[in-house]
Amino acid sequence: MPKSHPPYSPEYRCRIVELARAGRSVNELAREFEPSANAIRKWVKQTGLDDGLRSGGLTTDETRRTQSAAP
């Protein structure tokens, strides 16, 4: 069974996303820092949705509203 990791802080995620947006390779960031490349890709995508830079998914606020409305 895979080991679980406590959630990364929003500040940490933000800094990794900033580095990725500045041109650092996701794979390079994954090697240098602890999160997987896939996790970093998800953070970049979600931040883009939240910032209105991309479409094709729910923002964090929309996701929370959807989850809180579920029975």
C-alpha atoms as a PDB file:
ATOM      1  CA  MET A   1       0.000   0.000   0.000  1.00  0.00           C
ATOM      2  CA  PRO A   2       1.417   3.448  -0.894  1.00  0.00           C
ATOM      3  CA  LYS A   3       2.498   5.744   1.873  1.00  0.00           C
ATOM      4  CA  SER A   4       0.258   8.722   2.396  1.00  0.00           C
ATOM      5  CA  HIS A   5       1.632  12.194   2.861  1.00  0.00           C
ATOM      6  CA  PRO A   6       0.031  15.028   4.801  1.00  0.00           C
ATOM      7  CA  PRO A   7      -1.312  17.730   2.473  1.00  0.00           C
ATOM      8  CA  TYR A   8       1.181  20.338   1.327  1.00  0.00           C
ATOM      9  CA  SER A   9       0.510  23.869   2.522  1.00  0.00           C
ATOM     10  CA  PRO A  10      -1.148  26.287   0.090  1.00  0.00           C
ATOM     11  CA  GLU A  11       1.970  28.476   0.243  1.00  0.00           C
ATOM     12  CA  TYR A  12       4.198  25.560  -0.770  1.00  0.00           C
ATOM     13  CA  ARG A  13       1.907  24.632  -3.661  1.00  0.00           C
ATOM     14  CA  CYS A  14       1.799  28.259  -4.779  1.00  0.00           C
ATOM     15  CA  ARG A  15       5.589  28.492  -4.867  1.00  0.00           C
ATOM     16  CA  ILE A  16       5.906  25.279  -6.907  1.00  0.00           C
ATOM     17  CA  VAL A  17       3.259  26.541  -9.358  1.00  0.00           C
ATOM     18  CA  GLU A  18       5.124  29.856  -9.671  1.00  0.00           C
ATOM     19  CA  LEU A  19       8.316  27.974 -10.512  1.00  0.00           C
ATOM     20  CA  ALA A  20       6.491  25.881 -13.121  1.00  0.00           C
ATOM     21  CA  ARG A  21       4.930  28.982 -14.683  1.00  0.00           C
ATOM     22  CA  ALA A  22       8.352  30.634 -14.757  1.00  0.00           C
ATOM     23  CA  GLY A  23       9.525  27.880 -17.084  1.00  0.00           C
ATOM     24  CA  ARG A  24      10.911  25.206 -14.790  1.00  0.00           C
ATOM     25  CA  SER A  25      10.154  21.692 -15.983  1.00  0.00           C
ATOM     26  CA  VAL A  26       7.563  19.794 -13.944  1.00  0.00           C
ATOM     27  CA  ASN A  27       9.833  16.753 -13.963  1.00  0.00           C
ATOM     28  CA  GLU A  28      12.753  18.856 -12.771  1.00  0.00           C
ATOM     29  CA  LEU A  29      10.643  20.285  -9.936  1.00  0.00           C
ATOM     30  CA  ALA A  30       9.510  16.790  -8.953  1.00  0.00           C
ATOM     31  CA  ARG A  31      13.128  15.630  -8.735  1.00  0.00           C
ATOM     32  CA  GLU A  32      14.219  18.680  -6.749  1.00  0.00           C
ATOM     33  CA  PHE A  33      11.227  18.833  -4.415  1.00  0.00           C
ATOM     34  CA  GLU A  34       9.102  16.065  -2.969  1.00  0.00           C
ATOM     35  CA  PRO A  35       5.767  16.154  -4.852  1.00  0.00           C
ATOM     36  CA  SER A  36       5.313  13.919  -7.868  1.00  0.00           C
ATOM     37  CA  ALA A  37       5.274  15.400 -11.352  1.00  0.00           C
ATOM     38  CA  ASN A  38       1.625  14.405 -11.657  1.00  0.00           C
ATOM     39  CA  ALA A  39       0.728  16.261  -8.446  1.00  0.00           C
ATOM     40  CA  ILE A  40       2.509  19.378  -9.695  1.00  0.00           C
ATOM     41  CA  ARG A  41       0.679  19.175 -13.037  1.00  0.00           C
ATOM     42  CA  LYS A  42      -2.632  19.005 -11.154  1.00  0.00           C
ATOM     43  CA  TRP A  43      -1.672  22.025  -9.024  1.00  0.00           C
ATOM     44  CA  VAL A  44      -0.762  24.035 -12.128  1.00  0.00           C
ATOM     45  CA  LYS A  45      -4.031  23.086 -13.820  1.00  0.00           C
ATOM     46  CA  GLN A  46      -6.148  23.873 -10.751  1.00  0.00           C
ATOM     47  CA  THR A  47      -4.424  27.218 -10.241  1.00  0.00           C
ATOM     48  CA  GLY A  48      -5.088  28.071 -13.889  1.00  0.00           C
ATOM     49  CA  LEU A  49      -8.778  27.285 -13.394  1.00  0.00           C
ATOM     50  CA  ASP A  50      -8.922  29.310 -10.179  1.00  0.00           C
ATOM     51  CA  ASP A  51      -7.153  32.282 -11.812  1.00  0.00           C
ATOM     52  CA  GLY A  52      -9.422  32.192 -14.868  1.00  0.00           C
ATOM     53  CA  LEU A  53      -6.516  31.416 -17.190  1.00  0.00           C
ATOM     54  CA  ARG A  54      -8.044  28.201 -18.463  1.00  0.00           C
ATOM     55  CA  SER A  55     -11.402  26.471 -18.766  1.00  0.00           C
ATOM     56  CA  GLY A  56     -12.438  22.864 -18.794  1.00  0.00           C
ATOM     57  CA  GLY A  57     -12.933  22.160 -15.121  1.00  0.00           C
ATOM     58  CA  LEU A  58     -14.256  23.417 -11.818  1.00  0.00           C
ATOM     59  CA  THR A  59     -12.571  26.062  -9.729  1.00  0.00           C
ATOM     60  CA  THR A  60     -11.754  25.208  -6.136  1.00  0.00           C
ATOM     61  CA  ASP A  61     -14.771  27.214  -4.931  1.00  0.00           C
ATOM     62  CA  GLU A  62     -17.096  25.451  -7.385  1.00  0.00           C
ATOM     63  CA  THR A  63     -15.784  22.079  -6.244  1.00  0.00           C
ATOM     64  CA  ARG A  64     -16.396  22.959  -2.580  1.00  0.00           C
ATOM     65  CA  ARG A  65     -19.952  24.129  -3.341  1.00  0.00           C
ATOM     66  CA  THR A  66     -20.628  20.928  -5.279  1.00  0.00           C
ATOM     67  CA  GLN A  67     -19.282  18.763  -2.458  1.00  0.00           C
ATOM     68  CA  SER A  68     -21.223  20.631   0.228  1.00  0.00           C
ATOM     69  CA  ALA A  69     -24.455  20.303  -1.759  1.00  0.00           C
ATOM     70  CA  ALA A  70     -24.091  16.505  -2.065  1.00  0.00           C
ATOM     71  CA  PRO A  71     -26.461  14.486   0.144  1.00  0.00           C
END
